[in-house]
Amino acid sequence: MVKQILGVLVCLIAIGGCASNPNVTGTLPATPMASPAASMATGPGAPGPSALGSSALGSTAAGSMAPGAVSATAGAGIPAEIGVPPTPAMGVGSYRLGAGDLLQIDVFRVPDLATKERINEYGLVVIPLIGPVSVAGLTTEQAGRKIAAELEKDHLQNPQVSVLVLEYANQNITVGGAVNKPGVFPMAGQISLIQAVAMAGGPSDIAKINEVVVFRTLPGQPMTAYVVDLNRVQRGQLDDPLLAVNDKVVVPESGTKVVLRNVTGTMRGLVTLNPLLY
């Protein structure tokens, strides 16, 4: 009996020593459980919880991003120019016709042959008197000459045919931000910045129209942003710029910090808006 009592006392003393001496390990915790971040670090020399929070967890988050990826919640930091974008090289002479394009076809001095035709999925348009003609892959000038050659075979002498693209298929512009009807709009010929904002229902009551951003990406080049004061455009102090295919127009909300200038007063900087969010 005395031996049993002594054994219990020894156990109690051992447990008390585990709680009071941090150098003694045991199976019972003497302090509250560590946080999950702290429990990740084990073994001698492992960083403490604060080190994990500031470095290990941070590097893990950074490592999950693919190289060159743009976070959907971060400022894009896209190179910007303050002023209107350059006039795009619209493809009157270089654009190649494709399925879905709507064409206006006119024959000089033969108004009865004037027609509007959409290129079908096979690249054909149907022309009065001659039927289907393949025009996909041609410029408007080439298409006009081809149609004229077909008309000349059996119907007209030296016909003059003009072809105009009324609607470009799969060539759009996007208008977003503080506008009443944001959306994607087809390029029906040339569209100016003011026309694009009007197509989107005009600026909303909270729009910041003195810093409207036009995002543009040209083939083989990185995206560039142009920050345009629409007030000055409306007053005739700036040209109303023509938009290029696939331009994205963003009208920021009032109070939004839009551009960070490299040097105060310069015409270049970085746009803080992320076009992926619009």
C-alpha atoms as a PDB file:
ATOM      1  CA  MET A   1       0.000   0.000   0.000  1.00  0.00           C
ATOM      2  CA  VAL A   2       2.803   2.397   0.922  1.00  0.00           C
ATOM      3  CA  LYS A   3       4.568   1.539  -2.344  1.00  0.00           C
ATOM      4  CA  GLN A   4       1.439   2.421  -4.348  1.00  0.00           C
ATOM      5  CA  ILE A   5       1.103   5.808  -2.599  1.00  0.00           C
ATOM      6  CA  LEU A   6       4.773   6.567  -3.242  1.00  0.00           C
ATOM      7  CA  GLY A   7       4.318   5.653  -6.919  1.00  0.00           C
ATOM      8  CA  VAL A   8       1.409   8.100  -7.312  1.00  0.00           C
ATOM      9  CA  LEU A   9       3.433  10.867  -5.642  1.00  0.00           C
ATOM     10  CA  VAL A  10       6.337  10.259  -8.026  1.00  0.00           C
ATOM     11  CA  CYS A  11       4.026  10.549 -11.038  1.00  0.00           C
ATOM     12  CA  LEU A  12       2.538  13.817  -9.781  1.00  0.00           C
ATOM     13  CA  ILE A  13       5.982  15.273  -9.179  1.00  0.00           C
ATOM     14  CA  ALA A  14       7.045  14.242 -12.697  1.00  0.00           C
ATOM     15  CA  ILE A  15       4.012  15.889 -14.291  1.00  0.00           C
ATOM     16  CA  GLY A  16       4.567  19.087 -12.339  1.00  0.00           C
ATOM     17  CA  GLY A  17       8.146  19.155 -13.522  1.00  0.00           C
ATOM     18  CA  CYS A  18       7.046  18.914 -17.148  1.00  0.00           C
ATOM     19  CA  ALA A  19       4.823  21.964 -16.724  1.00  0.00           C
ATOM     20  CA  SER A  20       7.379  24.122 -14.937  1.00  0.00           C
ATOM     21  CA  ASN A  21      10.496  23.215 -16.878  1.00  0.00           C
ATOM     22  CA  PRO A  22      10.326  24.080 -20.625  1.00  0.00           C
ATOM     23  CA  ASN A  23      13.311  21.891 -21.347  1.00  0.00           C
ATOM     24  CA  VAL A  24      11.418  18.772 -20.307  1.00  0.00           C
ATOM     25  CA  THR A  25       9.176  17.156 -22.912  1.00  0.00           C
ATOM     26  CA  GLY A  26       6.217  14.947 -22.248  1.00  0.00           C
ATOM     27  CA  THR A  27       2.982  13.701 -23.600  1.00  0.00           C
ATOM     28  CA  LEU A  28       0.774  16.308 -21.876  1.00  0.00           C
ATOM     29  CA  PRO A  29       0.844  19.941 -23.101  1.00  0.00           C
ATOM     30  CA  ALA A  30       1.694  22.417 -20.348  1.00  0.00           C
ATOM     31  CA  THR A  31       0.678  25.489 -22.439  1.00  0.00           C
ATOM     32  CA  PRO A  32      -2.217  26.234 -24.842  1.00  0.00           C
ATOM     33  CA  MET A  33      -1.957  24.664 -28.285  1.00  0.00           C
ATOM     34  CA  ALA A  34       0.073  26.625 -30.812  1.00  0.00           C
ATOM     35  CA  SER A  35      -1.561  28.151 -33.888  1.00  0.00           C
ATOM     36  CA  PRO A  36      -1.648  26.072 -37.100  1.00  0.00           C
ATOM     37  CA  ALA A  37       1.042  28.285 -38.630  1.00  0.00           C
ATOM     38  CA  ALA A  38       3.319  27.737 -35.628  1.00  0.00           C
ATOM     39  CA  SER A  39       2.695  23.989 -35.597  1.00  0.00           C
ATOM     40  CA  MET A  40       4.031  23.794 -39.153  1.00  0.00           C
ATOM     41  CA  ALA A  41       7.530  24.558 -37.830  1.00  0.00           C
ATOM     42  CA  THR A  42       9.151  21.585 -36.087  1.00  0.00           C
ATOM     43  CA  GLY A  43      12.634  20.645 -35.160  1.00  0.00           C
ATOM     44  CA  PRO A  44      15.636  22.723 -34.074  1.00  0.00           C
ATOM     45  CA  GLY A  45      16.283  25.903 -36.054  1.00  0.00           C
ATOM     46  CA  ALA A  46      12.756  26.095 -37.485  1.00  0.00           C
ATOM     47  CA  PRO A  47      11.370  29.652 -37.844  1.00  0.00           C
ATOM     48  CA  GLY A  48       8.783  30.893 -35.393  1.00  0.00           C
ATOM     49  CA  PRO A  49       5.207  31.827 -36.226  1.00  0.00           C
ATOM     50  CA  SER A  50       6.076  35.437 -37.114  1.00  0.00           C
ATOM     51  CA  ALA A  51       8.698  34.306 -39.612  1.00  0.00           C
ATOM     52  CA  LEU A  52       6.239  31.954 -41.242  1.00  0.00           C
ATOM     53  CA  GLY A  53       3.619  34.655 -41.550  1.00  0.00           C
ATOM     54  CA  SER A  54       5.908  37.177 -43.203  1.00  0.00           C
ATOM     55  CA  SER A  55       8.125  35.055 -45.391  1.00  0.00           C
ATOM     56  CA  ALA A  56       7.065  31.473 -45.864  1.00  0.00           C
ATOM     57  CA  LEU A  57       3.372  32.194 -46.352  1.00  0.00           C
ATOM     58  CA  GLY A  58       4.113  35.231 -48.461  1.00  0.00           C
ATOM     59  CA  SER A  59       6.464  33.345 -50.742  1.00  0.00           C
ATOM     60  CA  THR A  60       3.924  30.565 -51.097  1.00  0.00           C
ATOM     61  CA  ALA A  61       1.298  33.013 -52.286  1.00  0.00           C
ATOM     62  CA  ALA A  62       3.733  34.558 -54.720  1.00  0.00           C
ATOM     63  CA  GLY A  63       4.855  31.174 -55.933  1.00  0.00           C
ATOM     64  CA  SER A  64       1.314  30.195 -56.867  1.00  0.00           C
ATOM     65  CA  MET A  65       1.222  32.885 -59.582  1.00  0.00           C
ATOM     66  CA  ALA A  66       2.518  31.902 -62.992  1.00  0.00           C
ATOM     67  CA  PRO A  67       5.418  34.038 -64.253  1.00  0.00           C
ATOM     68  CA  GLY A  68       4.072  37.154 -65.934  1.00  0.00           C
ATOM     69  CA  ALA A  69       0.511  36.577 -64.720  1.00  0.00           C
ATOM     70  CA  VAL A  70      -1.627  39.561 -63.714  1.00  0.00           C
ATOM     71  CA  SER A  71      -3.565  39.282 -60.494  1.00  0.00           C
ATOM     72  CA  ALA A  72      -7.239  40.065 -60.990  1.00  0.00           C
ATOM     73  CA  THR A  73      -7.238  42.094 -57.765  1.00  0.00           C
ATOM     74  CA  ALA A  74      -3.967  43.958 -58.163  1.00  0.00           C
ATOM     75  CA  GLY A  75      -3.363  47.214 -60.001  1.00  0.00           C
ATOM     76  CA  ALA A  76      -2.302  46.384 -63.515  1.00  0.00           C
ATOM     77  CA  GLY A  77       0.489  48.977 -63.744  1.00  0.00           C
ATOM     78  CA  ILE A  78       0.155  49.218 -67.527  1.00  0.00           C
ATOM     79  CA  PRO A  79       2.317  51.823 -69.295  1.00  0.00           C
ATOM     80  CA  ALA A  80       0.202  54.877 -70.044  1.00  0.00           C
ATOM     81  CA  GLU A  81       0.315  57.962 -72.202  1.00  0.00           C
ATOM     82  CA  ILE A  82      -1.649  61.053 -71.267  1.00  0.00           C
ATOM     83  CA  GLY A  83      -3.564  62.094 -74.370  1.00  0.00           C
ATOM     84  CA  VAL A  84      -5.483  60.663 -77.301  1.00  0.00           C
ATOM     85  CA  PRO A  85      -4.348  57.389 -78.896  1.00  0.00           C
ATOM     86  CA  PRO A  86      -2.945  57.467 -82.439  1.00  0.00           C
ATOM     87  CA  THR A  87      -5.298  56.918 -85.341  1.00  0.00           C
ATOM     88  CA  PRO A  88      -5.421  53.159 -85.997  1.00  0.00           C
ATOM     89  CA  ALA A  89      -4.425  51.772 -89.364  1.00  0.00           C
ATOM     90  CA  MET A  90      -7.934  50.702 -90.270  1.00  0.00           C
ATOM     91  CA  GLY A  91      -7.804  48.107 -92.987  1.00  0.00           C
ATOM     92  CA  VAL A  92      -9.585  49.762 -95.904  1.00  0.00           C
ATOM     93  CA  GLY A  93      -6.794  48.545 -98.131  1.00  0.00           C
ATOM     94  CA  SER A  94      -5.361  45.760 -95.977  1.00  0.00           C
ATOM     95  CA  TYR A  95      -8.337  44.219 -94.141  1.00  0.00           C
ATOM     96  CA  ARG A  96      -9.222  40.731 -95.347  1.00  0.00           C
ATOM     97  CA  LEU A  97     -12.896  39.911 -95.637  1.00  0.00           C
ATOM     98  CA  GLY A  98     -14.246  37.016 -93.627  1.00  0.00           C
ATOM     99  CA  ALA A  99     -17.401  35.094 -92.807  1.00  0.00           C
ATOM    100  CA  GLY A 100     -19.983  37.227 -91.046  1.00  0.00           C
ATOM    101  CA  ASP A 101     -18.860  40.556 -92.506  1.00  0.00           C
ATOM    102  CA  LEU A 102     -21.764  42.633 -93.833  1.00  0.00           C
ATOM    103  CA  LEU A 103     -20.971  44.248 -97.195  1.00  0.00           C
ATOM    104  CA  GLN A 104     -22.489  47.091 -99.171  1.00  0.00           C
ATOM    105  CA  ILE A 105     -21.944  46.312-102.864  1.00  0.00           C
ATOM    106  CA  ASP A 106     -22.637  48.966-105.504  1.00  0.00           C
ATOM    107  CA  VAL A 107     -22.253  48.955-109.280  1.00  0.00           C
ATOM    108  CA  PHE A 108     -21.579  52.390-110.748  1.00  0.00           C
ATOM    109  CA  ARG A 109     -24.611  53.711-112.665  1.00  0.00           C
ATOM    110  CA  VAL A 110     -26.564  50.476-112.136  1.00  0.00           C
ATOM    111  CA  PRO A 111     -28.542  51.141-108.937  1.00  0.00           C
ATOM    112  CA  ASP A 112     -30.700  48.047-109.426  1.00  0.00           C
ATOM    113  CA  LEU A 113     -27.667  45.887-108.668  1.00  0.00           C
ATOM    114  CA  ALA A 114     -26.889  47.589-105.346  1.00  0.00           C
ATOM    115  CA  THR A 115     -27.135  45.100-102.508  1.00  0.00           C
ATOM    116  CA  LYS A 116     -26.242  44.440 -98.890  1.00  0.00           C
ATOM    117  CA  GLU A 117     -24.941  40.946 -98.348  1.00  0.00           C
ATOM    118  CA  ARG A 118     -23.390  39.136 -95.400  1.00  0.00           C
ATOM    119  CA  ILE A 119     -20.563  36.732 -96.200  1.00  0.00           C
ATOM    120  CA  ASN A 120     -21.748  33.243 -95.340  1.00  0.00           C
ATOM    121  CA  GLU A 121     -19.818  30.510 -93.543  1.00  0.00           C
ATOM    122  CA  TYR A 122     -18.375  29.343 -96.865  1.00  0.00           C
ATOM    123  CA  GLY A 123     -16.975  32.786 -97.696  1.00  0.00           C
ATOM    124  CA  LEU A 124     -19.596  33.527-100.365  1.00  0.00           C
ATOM    125  CA  VAL A 125     -21.857  36.482-101.129  1.00  0.00           C
ATOM    126  CA  VAL A 126     -24.806  36.310-103.512  1.00  0.00           C
ATOM    127  CA  ILE A 127     -24.714  38.965-106.237  1.00  0.00           C
ATOM    128  CA  PRO A 128     -27.717  39.789-108.469  1.00  0.00           C
ATOM    129  CA  LEU A 129     -27.393  38.362-112.009  1.00  0.00           C
ATOM    130  CA  ILE A 130     -24.345  36.210-111.244  1.00  0.00           C
ATOM    131  CA  GLY A 131     -25.114  34.362-108.006  1.00  0.00           C
ATOM    132  CA  PRO A 132     -22.567  33.372-105.331  1.00  0.00           C
ATOM    133  CA  VAL A 133     -19.036  34.790-105.451  1.00  0.00           C
ATOM    134  CA  SER A 134     -16.230  33.789-103.105  1.00  0.00           C
ATOM    135  CA  VAL A 135     -14.752  36.885-101.419  1.00  0.00           C
ATOM    136  CA  ALA A 136     -13.372  35.629 -98.089  1.00  0.00           C
ATOM    137  CA  GLY A 137      -9.687  36.395 -97.729  1.00  0.00           C
ATOM    138  CA  LEU A 138      -9.813  39.269-100.224  1.00  0.00           C
ATOM    139  CA  THR A 139      -9.523  42.994 -99.582  1.00  0.00           C
ATOM    140  CA  THR A 140     -12.513  45.151-100.496  1.00  0.00           C
ATOM    141  CA  GLU A 141     -10.707  46.322-103.643  1.00  0.00           C
ATOM    142  CA  GLN A 142      -9.945  42.748-104.711  1.00  0.00           C
ATOM    143  CA  ALA A 143     -13.533  41.698-104.037  1.00  0.00           C
ATOM    144  CA  GLY A 144     -14.819  44.598-106.150  1.00  0.00           C
ATOM    145  CA  ARG A 145     -12.600  43.628-109.060  1.00  0.00           C
ATOM    146  CA  LYS A 146     -13.624  39.974-108.810  1.00  0.00           C
ATOM    147  CA  ILE A 147     -17.330  40.811-108.813  1.00  0.00           C
ATOM    148  CA  ALA A 148     -16.797  43.205-111.733  1.00  0.00           C
ATOM    149  CA  ALA A 149     -15.027  40.480-113.707  1.00  0.00           C
ATOM    150  CA  GLU A 150     -17.952  38.107-113.163  1.00  0.00           C
ATOM    151  CA  LEU A 151     -20.472  40.756-114.227  1.00  0.00           C
ATOM    152  CA  GLU A 152     -18.454  41.560-117.337  1.00  0.00           C
ATOM    153  CA  LYS A 153     -18.543  37.978-118.590  1.00  0.00           C
ATOM    154  CA  ASP A 154     -22.180  37.982-119.671  1.00  0.00           C
ATOM    155  CA  HIS A 155     -23.986  41.082-118.438  1.00  0.00           C
ATOM    156  CA  LEU A 156     -22.163  44.448-118.356  1.00  0.00           C
ATOM    157  CA  GLN A 157     -19.385  46.225-120.184  1.00  0.00           C
ATOM    158  CA  ASN A 158     -16.544  47.484-118.012  1.00  0.00           C
ATOM    159  CA  PRO A 159     -18.551  47.569-114.745  1.00  0.00           C
ATOM    160  CA  GLN A 160     -17.170  49.528-111.783  1.00  0.00           C
ATOM    161  CA  VAL A 161     -17.928  47.792-108.485  1.00  0.00           C
ATOM    162  CA  SER A 162     -17.322  49.185-104.998  1.00  0.00           C
ATOM    163  CA  VAL A 163     -17.373  47.094-101.837  1.00  0.00           C
ATOM    164  CA  LEU A 164     -17.721  48.628 -98.368  1.00  0.00           C
ATOM    165  CA  VAL A 165     -17.682  46.785 -95.042  1.00  0.00           C
ATOM    166  CA  LEU A 166     -20.705  47.847 -92.985  1.00  0.00           C
ATOM    167  CA  GLU A 167     -20.079  45.467 -90.080  1.00  0.00           C
ATOM    168  CA  TYR A 168     -16.946  43.581 -89.163  1.00  0.00           C
ATOM    169  CA  ALA A 169     -17.611  40.117 -87.749  1.00  0.00           C
ATOM    170  CA  ASN A 170     -15.674  39.128 -84.612  1.00  0.00           C
ATOM    171  CA  GLN A 171     -14.151  42.587 -84.398  1.00  0.00           C
ATOM    172  CA  ASN A 172     -15.427  44.433 -81.400  1.00  0.00           C
ATOM    173  CA  ILE A 173     -14.752  47.101 -78.840  1.00  0.00           C
ATOM    174  CA  THR A 174     -15.539  46.894 -75.133  1.00  0.00           C
ATOM    175  CA  VAL A 175     -16.820  49.761 -72.999  1.00  0.00           C
ATOM    176  CA  GLY A 176     -16.957  49.305 -69.237  1.00  0.00           C
ATOM    177  CA  GLY A 177     -16.766  51.065 -65.909  1.00  0.00           C
ATOM    178  CA  ALA A 178     -18.989  54.013 -65.003  1.00  0.00           C
ATOM    179  CA  VAL A 179     -21.293  53.888 -68.035  1.00  0.00           C
ATOM    180  CA  ASN A 180     -25.005  53.140 -68.109  1.00  0.00           C
ATOM    181  CA  LYS A 181     -24.912  50.128 -70.446  1.00  0.00           C
ATOM    182  CA  PRO A 182     -21.452  48.520 -70.428  1.00  0.00           C
ATOM    183  CA  GLY A 183     -20.852  45.814 -72.979  1.00  0.00           C
ATOM    184  CA  VAL A 184     -19.143  44.544 -76.102  1.00  0.00           C
ATOM    185  CA  PHE A 185     -20.054  46.309 -79.336  1.00  0.00           C
ATOM    186  CA  PRO A 186     -19.356  45.345 -82.969  1.00  0.00           C
ATOM    187  CA  MET A 187     -17.084  47.542 -85.045  1.00  0.00           C
ATOM    188  CA  ALA A 188     -19.562  48.895 -87.570  1.00  0.00           C
ATOM    189  CA  GLY A 189     -17.000  50.867 -89.519  1.00  0.00           C
ATOM    190  CA  GLN A 190     -14.950  53.507 -87.746  1.00  0.00           C
ATOM    191  CA  ILE A 191     -15.992  54.390 -84.188  1.00  0.00           C
ATOM    192  CA  SER A 192     -14.700  57.332 -82.174  1.00  0.00           C
ATOM    193  CA  LEU A 193     -14.258  57.434 -78.411  1.00  0.00           C
ATOM    194  CA  ILE A 194     -17.303  59.662 -77.869  1.00  0.00           C
ATOM    195  CA  GLN A 195     -19.398  57.393 -80.101  1.00  0.00           C
ATOM    196  CA  ALA A 196     -18.268  54.339 -78.123  1.00  0.00           C
ATOM    197  CA  VAL A 197     -19.234  55.897 -74.787  1.00  0.00           C
ATOM    198  CA  ALA A 198     -22.588  56.908 -76.294  1.00  0.00           C
ATOM    199  CA  MET A 199     -23.161  53.325 -77.485  1.00  0.00           C
ATOM    200  CA  ALA A 200     -22.709  52.253 -73.864  1.00  0.00           C
ATOM    201  CA  GLY A 201     -25.496  54.572 -72.734  1.00  0.00           C
ATOM    202  CA  GLY A 202     -23.253  57.495 -71.874  1.00  0.00           C
ATOM    203  CA  PRO A 203     -21.318  58.128 -68.664  1.00  0.00           C
ATOM    204  CA  SER A 204     -23.099  57.482 -65.380  1.00  0.00           C
ATOM    205  CA  ASP A 205     -23.613  60.058 -62.632  1.00  0.00           C
ATOM    206  CA  ILE A 206     -20.440  58.917 -60.861  1.00  0.00           C
ATOM    207  CA  ALA A 207     -18.197  58.878 -63.944  1.00  0.00           C
ATOM    208  CA  LYS A 208     -14.790  60.523 -63.969  1.00  0.00           C
ATOM    209  CA  ILE A 209     -14.760  61.586 -67.604  1.00  0.00           C
ATOM    210  CA  ASN A 210     -11.592  63.643 -67.452  1.00  0.00           C
ATOM    211  CA  GLU A 211      -9.536  60.424 -67.217  1.00  0.00           C
ATOM    212  CA  VAL A 212     -11.148  57.902 -69.556  1.00  0.00           C
ATOM    213  CA  VAL A 213      -8.751  55.067 -70.354  1.00  0.00           C
ATOM    214  CA  VAL A 214      -8.370  53.375 -73.738  1.00  0.00           C
ATOM    215  CA  PHE A 215      -6.498  50.058 -73.507  1.00  0.00           C
ATOM    216  CA  ARG A 216      -4.966  48.991 -76.819  1.00  0.00           C
ATOM    217  CA  THR A 217      -2.945  45.934 -77.821  1.00  0.00           C
ATOM    218  CA  LEU A 218      -1.348  45.843 -81.260  1.00  0.00           C
ATOM    219  CA  PRO A 219       0.014  42.627 -82.818  1.00  0.00           C
ATOM    220  CA  GLY A 220       3.400  41.753 -81.360  1.00  0.00           C
ATOM    221  CA  GLN A 221       3.313  44.627 -78.864  1.00  0.00           C
ATOM    222  CA  PRO A 222       2.448  44.897 -75.161  1.00  0.00           C
ATOM    223  CA  MET A 223      -0.737  46.580 -74.044  1.00  0.00           C
ATOM    224  CA  THR A 224      -0.648  50.373 -73.838  1.00  0.00           C
ATOM    225  CA  ALA A 225      -3.123  52.653 -72.087  1.00  0.00           C
ATOM    226  CA  TYR A 226      -4.147  56.143 -73.171  1.00  0.00           C
ATOM    227  CA  VAL A 227      -5.712  58.499 -70.638  1.00  0.00           C
ATOM    228  CA  VAL A 228      -8.093  60.907 -72.371  1.00  0.00           C
ATOM    229  CA  ASP A 229      -9.861  63.960 -70.953  1.00  0.00           C
ATOM    230  CA  LEU A 230     -13.302  63.526 -72.488  1.00  0.00           C
ATOM    231  CA  ASN A 231     -14.306  66.996 -71.300  1.00  0.00           C
ATOM    232  CA  ARG A 232     -11.646  68.521 -73.538  1.00  0.00           C
ATOM    233  CA  VAL A 233     -12.708  66.305 -76.444  1.00  0.00           C
ATOM    234  CA  GLN A 234     -16.310  67.479 -76.094  1.00  0.00           C
ATOM    235  CA  ARG A 235     -15.154  71.107 -76.023  1.00  0.00           C
ATOM    236  CA  GLY A 236     -13.131  70.611 -79.200  1.00  0.00           C
ATOM    237  CA  GLN A 237      -9.804  71.104 -77.431  1.00  0.00           C
ATOM    238  CA  LEU A 238      -8.723  67.543 -78.268  1.00  0.00           C
ATOM    239  CA  ASP A 239      -9.479  65.403 -81.315  1.00  0.00           C
ATOM    240  CA  ASP A 240     -12.090  62.697 -80.827  1.00  0.00           C
ATOM    241  CA  PRO A 241      -9.843  59.645 -81.351  1.00  0.00           C
ATOM    242  CA  LEU A 242     -10.846  56.715 -83.526  1.00  0.00           C
ATOM    243  CA  LEU A 243     -10.807  53.350 -81.806  1.00  0.00           C
ATOM    244  CA  ALA A 244      -9.018  50.261 -83.076  1.00  0.00           C
ATOM    245  CA  VAL A 245     -10.388  46.731 -83.230  1.00  0.00           C
ATOM    246  CA  ASN A 246     -10.529  45.135 -79.760  1.00  0.00           C
ATOM    247  CA  ASP A 247      -9.849  48.397 -77.914  1.00  0.00           C
ATOM    248  CA  LYS A 248     -11.175  48.406 -74.357  1.00  0.00           C
ATOM    249  CA  VAL A 249     -12.567  51.692 -73.014  1.00  0.00           C
ATOM    250  CA  VAL A 250     -12.878  52.093 -69.242  1.00  0.00           C
ATOM    251  CA  VAL A 251     -14.658  55.072 -67.699  1.00  0.00           C
ATOM    252  CA  PRO A 252     -13.504  55.201 -64.060  1.00  0.00           C
ATOM    253  CA  GLU A 253     -15.652  56.218 -61.132  1.00  0.00           C
ATOM    254  CA  SER A 254     -15.229  59.623 -59.547  1.00  0.00           C
ATOM    255  CA  GLY A 255     -12.514  59.566 -56.901  1.00  0.00           C
ATOM    256  CA  THR A 256     -10.588  56.717 -58.530  1.00  0.00           C
ATOM    257  CA  LYS A 257      -6.825  57.107 -58.769  1.00  0.00           C
ATOM    258  CA  VAL A 258      -6.300  56.318 -62.424  1.00  0.00           C
ATOM    259  CA  VAL A 259      -2.710  57.094 -63.356  1.00  0.00           C
ATOM    260  CA  LEU A 260       0.602  57.323 -61.524  1.00  0.00           C
ATOM    261  CA  ARG A 261       2.913  59.686 -63.368  1.00  0.00           C
ATOM    262  CA  ASN A 262       6.580  58.754 -63.516  1.00  0.00           C
ATOM    263  CA  VAL A 263       7.426  62.403 -62.934  1.00  0.00           C
ATOM    264  CA  THR A 264       4.854  65.019 -61.959  1.00  0.00           C
ATOM    265  CA  GLY A 265       3.663  66.935 -64.999  1.00  0.00           C
ATOM    266  CA  THR A 266       4.954  64.447 -67.570  1.00  0.00           C
ATOM    267  CA  MET A 267       2.805  62.807 -70.235  1.00  0.00           C
ATOM    268  CA  ARG A 268       3.675  59.236 -69.277  1.00  0.00           C
ATOM    269  CA  GLY A 269       2.962  57.028 -66.304  1.00  0.00           C
ATOM    270  CA  LEU A 270       1.274  53.825 -65.179  1.00  0.00           C
ATOM    271  CA  VAL A 271      -2.450  53.132 -65.192  1.00  0.00           C
ATOM    272  CA  THR A 272      -3.614  51.581 -61.932  1.00  0.00           C
ATOM    273  CA  LEU A 273      -6.846  50.155 -63.387  1.00  0.00           C
ATOM    274  CA  ASN A 274      -6.830  46.459 -64.244  1.00  0.00           C
ATOM    275  CA  PRO A 275      -8.519  45.847 -67.635  1.00  0.00           C
ATOM    276  CA  LEU A 276      -9.285  42.249 -66.611  1.00  0.00           C
ATOM    277  CA  LEU A 277     -11.898  43.581 -64.205  1.00  0.00           C
ATOM    278  CA  TYR A 278     -13.966  45.335 -66.905  1.00  0.00           C
END
